[in-house]
Every structure is written in structure tokens, then in C-alpha cells.
Amino acid sequence: MKFSKQQTTYVSDFTKFLTEMKQNNPSIEEKQRAGRAILWDKAPIDLDLRRREQESRVKQQPYVYQTKS
């Protein structure tokens, strides 16, 4: 149910720019997906491996340059 007249033929300048850019550079979406995969799509965390790594860490002295004599 429409309450007012809506213009369905209007396309913003930014939308026009994006469609033209995608038409001129069809590989741009693949590059975006590859960039996203590098930064955001991570492998699941292995909780057992993470626990073992934390347990195997050597405790550091509070003051590193002080020697025990």
C-alpha cells in the first residue's frame, strides 16, 4: 500500500558512478572479496592449541634488566 507518489525512475549520482565504475572495471568486486578475505575472514580458533600456547609461555620478570644474584 503506497501512501504517496514515489519516483521509481530516480537514480542518484553516486549510484550512477558505482554502476559505471563496475562496468568499466569488472574485476573490482573480486579484488574487494580478496581484500576482505585477507583482513576479516579468519580460520576458526583451535581452543586446545591456544590453551597449550598460553601454558607454555615463560613468565617474564617484573623488571627485565634486573639479574637475580
C-alpha atoms as a PDB file:
ATOM      1  CA  MET A   1       0.000   0.000   0.000  1.00  0.00           C
ATOM      2  CA  LYS A   2       1.536   3.285  -1.101  1.00  0.00           C
ATOM      3  CA  PHE A   3       0.759   6.434   0.819  1.00  0.00           C
ATOM      4  CA  SER A   4       2.452   8.874  -1.534  1.00  0.00           C
ATOM      5  CA  LYS A   5       3.726   9.082  -5.056  1.00  0.00           C
ATOM      6  CA  GLN A   6       7.187   7.621  -5.247  1.00  0.00           C
ATOM      7  CA  GLN A   7       9.582   8.211  -8.067  1.00  0.00           C
ATOM      8  CA  THR A   8      10.941   4.871  -9.153  1.00  0.00           C
ATOM      9  CA  THR A   9      12.949   6.254 -12.066  1.00  0.00           C
ATOM     10  CA  TYR A  10      15.283   8.401  -9.956  1.00  0.00           C
ATOM     11  CA  VAL A  11      18.884   7.206  -9.741  1.00  0.00           C
ATOM     12  CA  SER A  12      21.348   9.174  -7.633  1.00  0.00           C
ATOM     13  CA  ASP A  13      24.658  10.407  -8.975  1.00  0.00           C
ATOM     14  CA  PHE A  14      26.541   8.125  -6.634  1.00  0.00           C
ATOM     15  CA  THR A  15      24.606   5.072  -7.829  1.00  0.00           C
ATOM     16  CA  LYS A  16      25.333   6.028 -11.426  1.00  0.00           C
ATOM     17  CA  PHE A  17      29.012   6.420 -10.566  1.00  0.00           C
ATOM     18  CA  LEU A  18      29.156   2.989  -8.934  1.00  0.00           C
ATOM     19  CA  THR A  19      27.407   1.210 -11.796  1.00  0.00           C
ATOM     20  CA  GLU A  20      29.697   2.872 -14.346  1.00  0.00           C
ATOM     21  CA  MET A  21      32.769   2.009 -12.289  1.00  0.00           C
ATOM     22  CA  LYS A  22      31.699  -1.645 -12.005  1.00  0.00           C
ATOM     23  CA  GLN A  23      31.037  -1.797 -15.741  1.00  0.00           C
ATOM     24  CA  ASN A  24      34.446  -0.300 -16.560  1.00  0.00           C
ATOM     25  CA  ASN A  25      36.298  -2.484 -14.019  1.00  0.00           C
ATOM     26  CA  PRO A  26      34.556  -5.867 -13.788  1.00  0.00           C
ATOM     27  CA  SER A  27      37.331  -7.308 -11.591  1.00  0.00           C
ATOM     28  CA  ILE A  28      36.811  -4.746  -8.814  1.00  0.00           C
ATOM     29  CA  GLU A  29      34.397  -6.950  -6.861  1.00  0.00           C
ATOM     30  CA  GLU A  30      36.838  -9.870  -6.940  1.00  0.00           C
ATOM     31  CA  LYS A  31      39.560  -7.597  -5.572  1.00  0.00           C
ATOM     32  CA  GLN A  32      37.218  -6.419  -2.805  1.00  0.00           C
ATOM     33  CA  ARG A  33      36.449 -10.009  -1.846  1.00  0.00           C
ATOM     34  CA  ALA A  34      40.158 -10.877  -1.833  1.00  0.00           C
ATOM     35  CA  GLY A  35      40.917  -7.879   0.396  1.00  0.00           C
ATOM     36  CA  ARG A  36      38.134  -8.830   2.755  1.00  0.00           C
ATOM     37  CA  ALA A  37      39.440 -12.380   2.929  1.00  0.00           C
ATOM     38  CA  ILE A  38      42.881 -11.121   3.922  1.00  0.00           C
ATOM     39  CA  LEU A  39      41.633  -8.851   6.688  1.00  0.00           C
ATOM     40  CA  TRP A  40      38.431 -10.384   8.022  1.00  0.00           C
ATOM     41  CA  ASP A  41      37.878 -13.987   7.006  1.00  0.00           C
ATOM     42  CA  LYS A  42      39.985 -15.873   9.510  1.00  0.00           C
ATOM     43  CA  ALA A  43      40.285 -19.579  10.179  1.00  0.00           C
ATOM     44  CA  PRO A  44      38.458 -20.853  13.258  1.00  0.00           C
ATOM     45  CA  ILE A  45      40.411 -20.713  16.508  1.00  0.00           C
ATOM     46  CA  ASP A  46      41.693 -24.028  17.806  1.00  0.00           C
ATOM     47  CA  LEU A  47      40.998 -23.700  21.534  1.00  0.00           C
ATOM     48  CA  ASP A  48      43.224 -26.611  22.542  1.00  0.00           C
ATOM     49  CA  LEU A  49      46.202 -25.204  20.646  1.00  0.00           C
ATOM     50  CA  ARG A  50      45.578 -21.750  22.105  1.00  0.00           C
ATOM     51  CA  ARG A  51      45.449 -23.164  25.659  1.00  0.00           C
ATOM     52  CA  ARG A  52      48.713 -25.098  25.147  1.00  0.00           C
ATOM     53  CA  GLU A  53      50.450 -21.975  23.781  1.00  0.00           C
ATOM     54  CA  GLN A  54      49.370 -19.926  26.784  1.00  0.00           C
ATOM     55  CA  GLU A  55      50.514 -22.609  29.219  1.00  0.00           C
ATOM     56  CA  SER A  56      53.918 -22.960  27.551  1.00  0.00           C
ATOM     57  CA  ARG A  57      54.809 -19.281  27.820  1.00  0.00           C
ATOM     58  CA  VAL A  58      57.739 -18.433  30.068  1.00  0.00           C
ATOM     59  CA  LYS A  59      56.878 -15.928  32.790  1.00  0.00           C
ATOM     60  CA  GLN A  60      58.791 -12.682  32.479  1.00  0.00           C
ATOM     61  CA  GLN A  61      60.331 -10.925  35.456  1.00  0.00           C
ATOM     62  CA  PRO A  62      58.642  -7.696  36.543  1.00  0.00           C
ATOM     63  CA  TYR A  63      61.826  -5.764  35.837  1.00  0.00           C
ATOM     64  CA  VAL A  64      63.566  -7.333  32.883  1.00  0.00           C
ATOM     65  CA  TYR A  65      67.035  -5.821  33.330  1.00  0.00           C
ATOM     66  CA  GLN A  66      67.449  -6.868  36.942  1.00  0.00           C
ATOM     67  CA  THR A  67      69.517 -10.006  37.376  1.00  0.00           C
ATOM     68  CA  LYS A  68      68.976 -12.500  40.134  1.00  0.00           C
ATOM     69  CA  SER A  69      72.090 -12.559  42.327  1.00  0.00           C
END
